[in-house]
PDB file of all heavy atoms in Angstrom:
ATOM      1  N   LYS A   1     -49.632 -23.822 -39.557  1.00  0.00           N
ATOM      2  CA  LYS A   1     -50.087 -23.432 -40.889  1.00  0.00           C
ATOM      3  C   LYS A   1     -49.698 -21.891 -41.186  1.00  0.00           C
ATOM      4  O   LYS A   1     -49.402 -21.573 -42.316  1.00  0.00           O
ATOM      5  CB  LYS A   1     -51.590 -23.647 -41.149  1.00  0.00           C
ATOM      6  CG  LYS A   1     -52.033 -24.985 -40.955  1.00  0.00           C
ATOM      7  CD  LYS A   1     -51.370 -25.852 -41.956  1.00  0.00           C
ATOM      8  CE  LYS A   1     -51.922 -27.406 -41.726  1.00  0.00           C
ATOM      9  NZ  LYS A   1     -51.140 -28.343 -42.417  1.00  0.00           N
ATOM     10  N   VAL A   2     -49.670 -21.061 -40.180  1.00  0.00           N
ATOM     11  CA  VAL A   2     -49.411 -19.604 -40.393  1.00  0.00           C
ATOM     12  C   VAL A   2     -47.822 -19.475 -40.704  1.00  0.00           C
ATOM     13  O   VAL A   2     -47.555 -18.906 -41.604  1.00  0.00           O
ATOM     14  CB  VAL A   2     -49.757 -18.775 -39.075  1.00  0.00           C
ATOM     15  CG1 VAL A   2     -49.119 -17.363 -39.241  1.00  0.00           C
ATOM     16  CG2 VAL A   2     -51.171 -18.785 -38.867  1.00  0.00           C
ATOM     17  N   ILE A   3     -47.047 -20.325 -39.882  1.00  0.00           N
ATOM     18  CA  ILE A   3     -45.619 -20.266 -40.198  1.00  0.00           C
ATOM     19  C   ILE A   3     -45.294 -20.918 -41.459  1.00  0.00           C
ATOM     20  O   ILE A   3     -44.409 -20.385 -42.285  1.00  0.00           O
ATOM     21  CB  ILE A   3     -44.857 -20.964 -39.041  1.00  0.00           C
ATOM     22  CG1 ILE A   3     -44.947 -20.137 -37.659  1.00  0.00           C
ATOM     23  CG2 ILE A   3     -43.320 -21.149 -39.369  1.00  0.00           C
ATOM     24  CD1 ILE A   3     -44.296 -20.783 -36.481  1.00  0.00           C
ATOM     25  N   GLN A   4     -45.900 -22.054 -41.834  1.00  0.00           N
ATOM     26  CA  GLN A   4     -45.702 -22.674 -43.156  1.00  0.00           C
ATOM     27  C   GLN A   4     -46.048 -21.840 -44.329  1.00  0.00           C
ATOM     28  O   GLN A   4     -45.626 -22.120 -45.393  1.00  0.00           O
ATOM     29  CB  GLN A   4     -46.426 -24.046 -43.132  1.00  0.00           C
ATOM     30  CG  GLN A   4     -45.983 -25.116 -42.288  1.00  0.00           C
ATOM     31  CD  GLN A   4     -46.819 -26.361 -42.271  1.00  0.00           C
ATOM     32  OE1 GLN A   4     -47.974 -26.328 -42.747  1.00  0.00           O
ATOM     33  NE2 GLN A   4     -46.169 -27.446 -41.846  1.00  0.00           N
ATOM     34  N   SER A   5     -46.906 -20.962 -44.113  1.00  0.00           N
ATOM     35  CA  SER A   5     -47.385 -20.084 -45.233  1.00  0.00           C
ATOM     36  C   SER A   5     -46.434 -18.879 -45.639  1.00  0.00           C
ATOM     37  O   SER A   5     -46.867 -18.174 -46.573  1.00  0.00           O
ATOM     38  CB  SER A   5     -48.783 -19.579 -44.917  1.00  0.00           C
ATOM     39  OG  SER A   5     -48.852 -18.500 -43.940  1.00  0.00           O
ATOM     40  N   VAL A   6     -45.385 -18.651 -44.867  1.00  0.00           N
ATOM     41  CA  VAL A   6     -44.511 -17.440 -45.108  1.00  0.00           C
ATOM     42  C   VAL A   6     -43.291 -17.970 -45.936  1.00  0.00           C
ATOM     43  O   VAL A   6     -43.056 -19.142 -46.123  1.00  0.00           O
ATOM     44  CB  VAL A   6     -44.170 -16.708 -43.849  1.00  0.00           C
ATOM     45  CG1 VAL A   6     -45.463 -16.244 -43.104  1.00  0.00           C
ATOM     46  CG2 VAL A   6     -43.376 -17.630 -43.027  1.00  0.00           C
ATOM     47  N   ARG A   7     -42.528 -17.004 -46.459  1.00  0.00           N
ATOM     48  CA  ARG A   7     -41.383 -17.286 -47.178  1.00  0.00           C
ATOM     49  C   ARG A   7     -40.304 -18.219 -46.370  1.00  0.00           C
ATOM     50  O   ARG A   7     -40.309 -18.033 -45.189  1.00  0.00           O
ATOM     51  CB  ARG A   7     -40.692 -16.036 -47.648  1.00  0.00           C
ATOM     52  CG  ARG A   7     -41.481 -15.217 -48.494  1.00  0.00           C
ATOM     53  CD  ARG A   7     -40.814 -13.921 -49.045  1.00  0.00           C
ATOM     54  NE  ARG A   7     -39.445 -13.705 -48.458  1.00  0.00           N
ATOM     55  CZ  ARG A   7     -38.922 -12.475 -48.177  1.00  0.00           C
ATOM     56  NH1 ARG A   7     -39.649 -11.401 -48.544  1.00  0.00           N
ATOM     57  NH2 ARG A   7     -37.798 -12.403 -47.659  1.00  0.00           N
ATOM     58  N   PRO A   8     -39.573 -19.020 -46.993  1.00  0.00           N
ATOM     59  CA  PRO A   8     -38.616 -19.851 -46.293  1.00  0.00           C
ATOM     60  C   PRO A   8     -37.637 -19.133 -45.366  1.00  0.00           C
ATOM     61  O   PRO A   8     -37.271 -19.572 -44.345  1.00  0.00           O
ATOM     62  CB  PRO A   8     -37.860 -20.662 -47.442  1.00  0.00           C
ATOM     63  CG  PRO A   8     -38.912 -20.629 -48.533  1.00  0.00           C
ATOM     64  CD  PRO A   8     -39.652 -19.310 -48.472  1.00  0.00           C
ATOM     65  N   ASP A   9     -37.187 -17.923 -45.914  1.00  0.00           N
ATOM     66  CA  ASP A   9     -36.221 -17.292 -44.945  1.00  0.00           C
ATOM     67  C   ASP A   9     -36.970 -16.707 -43.724  1.00  0.00           C
ATOM     68  O   ASP A   9     -36.395 -16.553 -42.705  1.00  0.00           O
ATOM     69  CB  ASP A   9     -35.528 -15.958 -45.726  1.00  0.00           C
ATOM     70  CG  ASP A   9     -36.426 -15.121 -46.552  1.00  0.00           C
ATOM     71  OD1 ASP A   9     -37.679 -15.521 -46.745  1.00  0.00           O
ATOM     72  OD2 ASP A   9     -36.078 -13.952 -46.826  1.00  0.00           O
ATOM     73  N   ALA A  10     -38.258 -16.354 -43.873  1.00  0.00           N
ATOM     74  CA  ALA A  10     -38.972 -15.921 -42.677  1.00  0.00           C
ATOM     75  C   ALA A  10     -39.247 -17.146 -41.716  1.00  0.00           C
ATOM     76  O   ALA A  10     -39.208 -16.977 -40.554  1.00  0.00           O
ATOM     77  CB  ALA A  10     -40.315 -15.372 -43.184  1.00  0.00           C
ATOM     78  N   VAL A  11     -39.592 -18.312 -42.314  1.00  0.00           N
ATOM     79  CA  VAL A  11     -39.680 -19.503 -41.395  1.00  0.00           C
ATOM     80  C   VAL A  11     -38.257 -19.652 -40.694  1.00  0.00           C
ATOM     81  O   VAL A  11     -38.363 -19.971 -39.508  1.00  0.00           O
ATOM     82  CB  VAL A  11     -39.998 -20.674 -42.331  1.00  0.00           C
ATOM     83  CG1 VAL A  11     -39.928 -22.033 -41.489  1.00  0.00           C
ATOM     84  CG2 VAL A  11     -41.466 -20.499 -42.894  1.00  0.00           C
ATOM     85  N   ARG A  12     -37.258 -19.668 -41.420  1.00  0.00           N
ATOM     86  CA  ARG A  12     -35.949 -19.798 -40.681  1.00  0.00           C
ATOM     87  C   ARG A  12     -35.790 -18.802 -39.598  1.00  0.00           C
ATOM     88  O   ARG A  12     -35.308 -19.176 -38.455  1.00  0.00           O
ATOM     89  CB  ARG A  12     -34.744 -19.801 -41.739  1.00  0.00           C
ATOM     90  CG  ARG A  12     -34.619 -21.045 -42.504  1.00  0.00           C
ATOM     91  CD  ARG A  12     -33.373 -20.985 -43.411  1.00  0.00           C
ATOM     92  NE  ARG A  12     -33.297 -20.012 -44.323  1.00  0.00           N
ATOM     93  CZ  ARG A  12     -33.835 -20.027 -45.598  1.00  0.00           C
ATOM     94  NH1 ARG A  12     -34.475 -21.099 -45.999  1.00  0.00           N
ATOM     95  NH2 ARG A  12     -33.705 -19.047 -46.389  1.00  0.00           N
ATOM     96  N   PHE A  13     -36.105 -17.597 -39.791  1.00  0.00           N
ATOM     97  CA  PHE A  13     -35.971 -16.525 -38.739  1.00  0.00           C
ATOM     98  C   PHE A  13     -36.811 -16.982 -37.629  1.00  0.00           C
ATOM     99  O   PHE A  13     -36.373 -16.861 -36.442  1.00  0.00           O
ATOM    100  CB  PHE A  13     -36.209 -15.164 -39.400  1.00  0.00           C
ATOM    101  CG  PHE A  13     -36.238 -14.077 -38.265  1.00  0.00           C
ATOM    102  CD1 PHE A  13     -35.104 -13.453 -38.086  1.00  0.00           C
ATOM    103  CD2 PHE A  13     -37.247 -13.732 -37.520  1.00  0.00           C
ATOM    104  CE1 PHE A  13     -35.031 -12.431 -37.178  1.00  0.00           C
ATOM    105  CE2 PHE A  13     -37.269 -12.676 -36.559  1.00  0.00           C
ATOM    106  CZ  PHE A  13     -36.077 -12.090 -36.352  1.00  0.00           C
ATOM    107  N   LEU A  14     -38.078 -17.199 -37.843  1.00  0.00           N
ATOM    108  CA  LEU A  14     -38.965 -17.573 -36.723  1.00  0.00           C
ATOM    109  C   LEU A  14     -38.566 -18.774 -35.933  1.00  0.00           C
ATOM    110  O   LEU A  14     -38.570 -18.700 -34.766  1.00  0.00           O
ATOM    111  CB  LEU A  14     -40.350 -17.799 -37.272  1.00  0.00           C
ATOM    112  CG  LEU A  14     -41.128 -16.493 -37.917  1.00  0.00           C
ATOM    113  CD1 LEU A  14     -42.352 -16.959 -38.544  1.00  0.00           C
ATOM    114  CD2 LEU A  14     -41.480 -15.491 -36.735  1.00  0.00           C
ATOM    115  N   GLU A  15     -38.145 -19.725 -36.661  1.00  0.00           N
ATOM    116  CA  GLU A  15     -37.682 -20.943 -35.960  1.00  0.00           C
ATOM    117  C   GLU A  15     -36.364 -20.683 -35.122  1.00  0.00           C
ATOM    118  O   GLU A  15     -36.248 -21.167 -33.999  1.00  0.00           O
ATOM    119  CB  GLU A  15     -37.414 -22.059 -37.018  1.00  0.00           C
ATOM    120  CG  GLU A  15     -38.633 -22.662 -37.593  1.00  0.00           C
ATOM    121  CD  GLU A  15     -38.265 -23.702 -38.578  1.00  0.00           C
ATOM    122  OE1 GLU A  15     -37.218 -23.739 -39.197  1.00  0.00           O
ATOM    123  OE2 GLU A  15     -39.346 -24.498 -38.883  1.00  0.00           O
ATOM    124  N   SER A  16     -35.521 -19.892 -35.684  1.00  0.00           N
ATOM    125  CA  SER A  16     -34.429 -19.516 -34.939  1.00  0.00           C
ATOM    126  C   SER A  16     -34.490 -18.784 -33.668  1.00  0.00           C
ATOM    127  O   SER A  16     -33.685 -18.852 -32.674  1.00  0.00           O
ATOM    128  CB  SER A  16     -33.238 -18.929 -35.896  1.00  0.00           C
ATOM    129  OG  SER A  16     -33.671 -17.512 -36.017  1.00  0.00           O
ATOM    130  N   ARG A  17     -35.570 -17.964 -33.570  1.00  0.00           N
ATOM    131  CA  ARG A  17     -35.996 -17.212 -32.419  1.00  0.00           C
ATOM    132  C   ARG A  17     -37.025 -17.728 -31.463  1.00  0.00           C
ATOM    133  O   ARG A  17     -37.285 -17.209 -30.439  1.00  0.00           O
ATOM    134  CB  ARG A  17     -36.527 -15.798 -32.875  1.00  0.00           C
ATOM    135  CG  ARG A  17     -35.630 -15.026 -33.763  1.00  0.00           C
ATOM    136  CD  ARG A  17     -34.303 -14.619 -32.898  1.00  0.00           C
ATOM    137  NE  ARG A  17     -33.601 -13.549 -33.606  1.00  0.00           N
ATOM    138  CZ  ARG A  17     -32.686 -13.639 -34.651  1.00  0.00           C
ATOM    139  NH1 ARG A  17     -32.665 -14.698 -35.230  1.00  0.00           N
ATOM    140  NH2 ARG A  17     -32.196 -12.628 -35.103  1.00  0.00           N
ATOM    141  N   SER A  18     -37.503 -19.009 -31.849  1.00  0.00           N
ATOM    142  CA  SER A  18     -38.429 -19.577 -31.090  1.00  0.00           C
ATOM    143  C   SER A  18     -37.980 -20.601 -29.994  1.00  0.00           C
ATOM    144  O   SER A  18     -36.935 -21.244 -30.271  1.00  0.00           O
ATOM    145  CB  SER A  18     -39.433 -20.323 -31.959  1.00  0.00           C
ATOM    146  OG  SER A  18     -40.126 -19.543 -32.792  1.00  0.00           O
ATOM    147  N   ILE A  19     -38.731 -20.748 -29.011  1.00  0.00           N
ATOM    148  CA  ILE A  19     -38.403 -21.840 -27.993  1.00  0.00           C
ATOM    149  C   ILE A  19     -39.654 -22.736 -28.134  1.00  0.00           C
ATOM    150  O   ILE A  19     -40.758 -22.305 -28.077  1.00  0.00           O
ATOM    151  CB  ILE A  19     -38.405 -21.363 -26.539  1.00  0.00           C
ATOM    152  CG1 ILE A  19     -37.258 -20.368 -26.408  1.00  0.00           C
ATOM    153  CG2 ILE A  19     -38.344 -22.355 -25.529  1.00  0.00           C
ATOM    154  CD1 ILE A  19     -37.307 -19.529 -25.099  1.00  0.00           C
ATOM    155  N   VAL A  20     -39.409 -24.049 -28.275  1.00  0.00           N
ATOM    156  CA  VAL A  20     -40.472 -24.972 -28.387  1.00  0.00           C
ATOM    157  C   VAL A  20     -40.662 -25.746 -27.187  1.00  0.00           C
ATOM    158  O   VAL A  20     -39.792 -26.237 -26.563  1.00  0.00           O
ATOM    159  CB  VAL A  20     -40.058 -26.021 -29.672  1.00  0.00           C
ATOM    160  CG1 VAL A  20     -41.277 -27.022 -29.792  1.00  0.00           C
ATOM    161  CG2 VAL A  20     -39.903 -25.337 -30.883  1.00  0.00           C
ATOM    162  N   ARG A  21     -41.903 -25.874 -26.756  1.00  0.00           N
ATOM    163  CA  ARG A  21     -42.202 -26.428 -25.438  1.00  0.00           C
ATOM    164  C   ARG A  21     -43.434 -27.380 -25.639  1.00  0.00           C
ATOM    165  O   ARG A  21     -44.286 -27.248 -26.563  1.00  0.00           O
ATOM    166  CB  ARG A  21     -42.720 -25.488 -24.411  1.00  0.00           C
ATOM    167  CG  ARG A  21     -41.669 -24.373 -24.135  1.00  0.00           C
ATOM    168  CD  ARG A  21     -42.130 -23.394 -23.046  1.00  0.00           C
ATOM    169  NE  ARG A  21     -41.089 -22.369 -22.784  1.00  0.00           N
ATOM    170  CZ  ARG A  21     -41.354 -21.007 -22.481  1.00  0.00           C
ATOM    171  NH1 ARG A  21     -42.594 -20.762 -22.529  1.00  0.00           N
ATOM    172  NH2 ARG A  21     -40.401 -20.312 -22.247  1.00  0.00           N
ATOM    173  N   ARG A  22     -43.382 -28.433 -24.844  1.00  0.00           N
ATOM    174  CA  ARG A  22     -44.521 -29.374 -24.753  1.00  0.00           C
ATOM    175  C   ARG A  22     -45.691 -28.659 -24.140  1.00  0.00           C
ATOM    176  O   ARG A  22     -45.586 -27.848 -23.309  1.00  0.00           O
ATOM    177  CB  ARG A  22     -44.088 -30.713 -24.002  1.00  0.00           C
ATOM    178  CG  ARG A  22     -42.961 -31.444 -24.586  1.00  0.00           C
ATOM    179  CD  ARG A  22     -42.731 -32.815 -23.959  1.00  0.00           C
ATOM    180  NE  ARG A  22     -41.596 -33.391 -24.398  1.00  0.00           N
ATOM    181  CZ  ARG A  22     -41.355 -33.832 -25.668  1.00  0.00           C
ATOM    182  NH1 ARG A  22     -42.269 -33.827 -26.467  1.00  0.00           N
ATOM    183  NH2 ARG A  22     -40.194 -34.338 -26.010  1.00  0.00           N
ATOM    184  N   LEU A  23     -46.910 -29.140 -24.663  1.00  0.00           N
ATOM    185  CA  LEU A  23     -48.074 -28.700 -24.048  1.00  0.00           C
ATOM    186  C   LEU A  23     -48.759 -29.905 -23.224  1.00  0.00           C
ATOM    187  O   LEU A  23     -48.980 -30.999 -23.786  1.00  0.00           O
ATOM    188  CB  LEU A  23     -49.062 -28.293 -25.171  1.00  0.00           C
ATOM    189  CG  LEU A  23     -48.575 -27.116 -25.935  1.00  0.00           C
ATOM    190  CD1 LEU A  23     -49.674 -26.916 -27.173  1.00  0.00           C
ATOM    191  CD2 LEU A  23     -48.495 -25.712 -25.204  1.00  0.00           C
ATOM    192  N   THR A  24     -49.171 -29.760 -22.094  1.00  0.00           N
ATOM    193  CA  THR A  24     -49.849 -30.904 -21.353  1.00  0.00           C
ATOM    194  C   THR A  24     -51.182 -30.556 -21.122  1.00  0.00           C
ATOM    195  O   THR A  24     -51.585 -29.300 -20.820  1.00  0.00           O
ATOM    196  CB  THR A  24     -49.066 -31.139 -19.983  1.00  0.00           C
ATOM    197  OG1 THR A  24     -49.010 -29.985 -19.225  1.00  0.00           O
ATOM    198  CG2 THR A  24     -47.627 -31.611 -20.251  1.00  0.00           C
ATOM    199  N   GLN A  25     -52.134 -31.554 -21.074  1.00  0.00           N
ATOM    200  CA  GLN A  25     -53.535 -31.307 -20.946  1.00  0.00           C
ATOM    201  C   GLN A  25     -53.929 -30.639 -19.627  1.00  0.00           C
ATOM    202  O   GLN A  25     -53.257 -30.945 -18.599  1.00  0.00           O
ATOM    203  CB  GLN A  25     -54.316 -32.546 -20.980  1.00  0.00           C
ATOM    204  CG  GLN A  25     -55.846 -32.339 -20.959  1.00  0.00           C
ATOM    205  CD  GLN A  25     -56.546 -33.683 -21.242  1.00  0.00           C
ATOM    206  OE1 GLN A  25     -55.964 -34.738 -21.310  1.00  0.00           O
ATOM    207  NE2 GLN A  25     -57.911 -33.527 -21.365  1.00  0.00           N
ATOM    208  N   GLY A  26     -54.619 -29.531 -19.714  1.00  0.00           N
ATOM    209  CA  GLY A  26     -54.906 -28.806 -18.418  1.00  0.00           C
ATOM    210  C   GLY A  26     -54.017 -27.594 -18.108  1.00  0.00           C
ATOM    211  O   GLY A  26     -54.271 -26.910 -17.246  1.00  0.00           O
ATOM    212  N   GLN A  27     -52.878 -27.596 -18.789  1.00  0.00           N
ATOM    213  CA  GLN A  27     -51.885 -26.513 -18.561  1.00  0.00           C
ATOM    214  C   GLN A  27     -52.457 -25.176 -18.927  1.00  0.00           C
ATOM    215  O   GLN A  27     -53.108 -25.011 -19.917  1.00  0.00           O
ATOM    216  CB  GLN A  27     -50.624 -26.970 -19.461  1.00  0.00           C
ATOM    217  CG  GLN A  27     -49.631 -25.958 -19.391  1.00  0.00           C
ATOM    218  CD  GLN A  27     -48.402 -26.248 -20.368  1.00  0.00           C
ATOM    219  OE1 GLN A  27     -48.604 -27.174 -21.049  1.00  0.00           O
ATOM    220  NE2 GLN A  27     -47.369 -25.451 -20.312  1.00  0.00           N
ATOM    221  N   THR A  28     -52.229 -24.251 -17.964  1.00  0.00           N
ATOM    222  CA  THR A  28     -52.545 -22.798 -18.289  1.00  0.00           C
ATOM    223  C   THR A  28     -51.293 -22.200 -18.982  1.00  0.00           C
ATOM    224  O   THR A  28     -50.160 -22.266 -18.383  1.00  0.00           O
ATOM    225  CB  THR A  28     -52.923 -22.077 -17.079  1.00  0.00           C
ATOM    226  OG1 THR A  28     -54.147 -22.677 -16.386  1.00  0.00           O
ATOM    227  CG2 THR A  28     -53.238 -20.593 -17.246  1.00  0.00           C
ATOM    228  N   LEU A  29     -51.481 -21.539 -20.043  1.00  0.00           N
ATOM    229  CA  LEU A  29     -50.404 -20.877 -20.716  1.00  0.00           C
ATOM    230  C   LEU A  29     -50.444 -19.360 -20.461  1.00  0.00           C
ATOM    231  O   LEU A  29     -51.440 -18.823 -20.487  1.00  0.00           O
ATOM    232  CB  LEU A  29     -50.554 -20.982 -22.309  1.00  0.00           C
ATOM    233  CG  LEU A  29     -50.588 -22.515 -22.721  1.00  0.00           C
ATOM    234  CD1 LEU A  29     -50.767 -22.455 -24.159  1.00  0.00           C
ATOM    235  CD2 LEU A  29     -49.294 -23.186 -22.391  1.00  0.00           C
ATOM    236  N   TYR A  30     -49.280 -18.975 -20.001  1.00  0.00           N
ATOM    237  CA  TYR A  30     -49.160 -17.466 -19.587  1.00  0.00           C
ATOM    238  C   TYR A  30     -48.615 -16.639 -20.855  1.00  0.00           C
ATOM    239  O   TYR A  30     -47.733 -17.204 -21.567  1.00  0.00           O
ATOM    240  CB  TYR A  30     -48.250 -17.325 -18.341  1.00  0.00           C
ATOM    241  CG  TYR A  30     -48.947 -17.966 -17.230  1.00  0.00           C
ATOM    242  CD1 TYR A  30     -48.535 -19.210 -16.815  1.00  0.00           C
ATOM    243  CD2 TYR A  30     -50.042 -17.320 -16.639  1.00  0.00           C
ATOM    244  CE1 TYR A  30     -49.149 -19.911 -15.707  1.00  0.00           C
ATOM    245  CE2 TYR A  30     -50.636 -17.940 -15.521  1.00  0.00           C
ATOM    246  CZ  TYR A  30     -50.169 -19.270 -15.136  1.00  0.00           C
ATOM    247  OH  TYR A  30     -50.806 -19.880 -14.065  1.00  0.00           O
ATOM    248  N   GLN A  31     -48.883 -15.472 -21.077  1.00  0.00           N
ATOM    249  CA  GLN A  31     -48.669 -14.881 -22.273  1.00  0.00           C
ATOM    250  C   GLN A  31     -47.419 -14.038 -22.174  1.00  0.00           C
ATOM    251  O   GLN A  31     -47.500 -12.770 -22.252  1.00  0.00           O
ATOM    252  CB  GLN A  31     -49.953 -13.936 -22.629  1.00  0.00           C
ATOM    253  CG  GLN A  31     -49.933 -13.360 -24.077  1.00  0.00           C
ATOM    254  CD  GLN A  31     -50.209 -14.572 -24.949  1.00  0.00           C
ATOM    255  OE1 GLN A  31     -51.032 -15.370 -24.782  1.00  0.00           O
ATOM    256  NE2 GLN A  31     -49.479 -14.460 -26.148  1.00  0.00           N
ATOM    257  N   GLU A  32     -46.309 -14.556 -22.126  1.00  0.00           N
ATOM    258  CA  GLU A  32     -45.026 -13.785 -22.182  1.00  0.00           C
ATOM    259  C   GLU A  32     -44.533 -13.682 -23.546  1.00  0.00           C
ATOM    260  O   GLU A  32     -43.546 -13.002 -23.828  1.00  0.00           O
ATOM    261  CB  GLU A  32     -44.016 -14.598 -21.211  1.00  0.00           C
ATOM    262  CG  GLU A  32     -43.324 -15.721 -21.899  1.00  0.00           C
ATOM    263  CD  GLU A  32     -44.026 -17.036 -21.673  1.00  0.00           C
ATOM    264  OE1 GLU A  32     -45.102 -17.152 -21.217  1.00  0.00           O
ATOM    265  OE2 GLU A  32     -43.393 -18.047 -22.133  1.00  0.00           O
ATOM    266  N   ALA A  33     -45.227 -14.370 -24.574  1.00  0.00           N
ATOM    267  CA  ALA A  33     -44.680 -14.328 -25.840  1.00  0.00           C
ATOM    268  C   ALA A  33     -45.867 -14.714 -26.768  1.00  0.00           C
ATOM    269  O   ALA A  33     -46.818 -15.246 -26.316  1.00  0.00           O
ATOM    270  CB  ALA A  33     -43.534 -15.192 -26.170  1.00  0.00           C
ATOM    271  N   GLU A  34     -45.668 -14.564 -28.051  1.00  0.00           N
ATOM    272  CA  GLU A  34     -46.549 -15.183 -29.103  1.00  0.00           C
ATOM    273  C   GLU A  34     -46.465 -16.614 -29.120  1.00  0.00           C
ATOM    274  O   GLU A  34     -45.357 -17.128 -28.999  1.00  0.00           O
ATOM    275  CB  GLU A  34     -46.288 -14.525 -30.306  1.00  0.00           C
ATOM    276  CG  GLU A  34     -47.418 -14.558 -31.383  1.00  0.00           C
ATOM    277  CD  GLU A  34     -48.443 -13.484 -31.190  1.00  0.00           C
ATOM    278  OE1 GLU A  34     -48.104 -12.455 -30.386  1.00  0.00           O
ATOM    279  OE2 GLU A  34     -49.498 -13.650 -31.669  1.00  0.00           O
ATOM    280  N   GLN A  35     -47.505 -17.343 -29.240  1.00  0.00           N
ATOM    281  CA  GLN A  35     -47.427 -18.946 -29.217  1.00  0.00           C
ATOM    282  C   GLN A  35     -48.075 -19.481 -30.557  1.00  0.00           C
ATOM    283  O   GLN A  35     -49.226 -19.151 -30.880  1.00  0.00           O
ATOM    284  CB  GLN A  35     -48.122 -19.356 -28.043  1.00  0.00           C
ATOM    285  CG  GLN A  35     -47.517 -18.942 -26.743  1.00  0.00           C
ATOM    286  CD  GLN A  35     -48.515 -19.092 -25.547  1.00  0.00           C
ATOM    287  OE1 GLN A  35     -49.538 -19.632 -25.639  1.00  0.00           O
ATOM    288  NE2 GLN A  35     -48.154 -18.346 -24.384  1.00  0.00           N
ATOM    289  N   PHE A  36     -47.260 -20.150 -31.219  1.00  0.00           N
ATOM    290  CA  PHE A  36     -47.747 -20.967 -32.448  1.00  0.00           C
ATOM    291  C   PHE A  36     -47.894 -22.380 -32.083  1.00  0.00           C
ATOM    292  O   PHE A  36     -46.933 -23.065 -31.811  1.00  0.00           O
ATOM    293  CB  PHE A  36     -46.701 -20.677 -33.586  1.00  0.00           C
ATOM    294  CG  PHE A  36     -46.642 -19.255 -34.074  1.00  0.00           C
ATOM    295  CD1 PHE A  36     -45.733 -18.391 -33.541  1.00  0.00           C
ATOM    296  CD2 PHE A  36     -47.417 -18.832 -35.174  1.00  0.00           C
ATOM    297  CE1 PHE A  36     -45.554 -17.138 -33.861  1.00  0.00           C
ATOM    298  CE2 PHE A  36     -47.309 -17.630 -35.551  1.00  0.00           C
ATOM    299  CZ  PHE A  36     -46.463 -16.681 -34.930  1.00  0.00           C
ATOM    300  N   THR A  37     -49.164 -22.858 -32.207  1.00  0.00           N
ATOM    301  CA  THR A  37     -49.347 -24.284 -31.926  1.00  0.00           C
ATOM    302  C   THR A  37     -48.868 -25.109 -33.135  1.00  0.00           C
ATOM    303  O   THR A  37     -49.337 -24.751 -34.282  1.00  0.00           O
ATOM    304  CB  THR A  37     -50.806 -24.518 -31.581  1.00  0.00           C
ATOM    305  OG1 THR A  37     -51.216 -23.610 -30.627  1.00  0.00           O
ATOM    306  CG2 THR A  37     -51.075 -25.928 -31.146  1.00  0.00           C
TER     307      THR A  37
END
């Protein structure tokens, strides 16, 4: 919802710089970057 609420050109920028990963139950996430669920 945070990403969806910004301008389309900002969405494209964020998507182009992001790595999308699966989340598995019980997984500990380490903070090497900002994470958008």
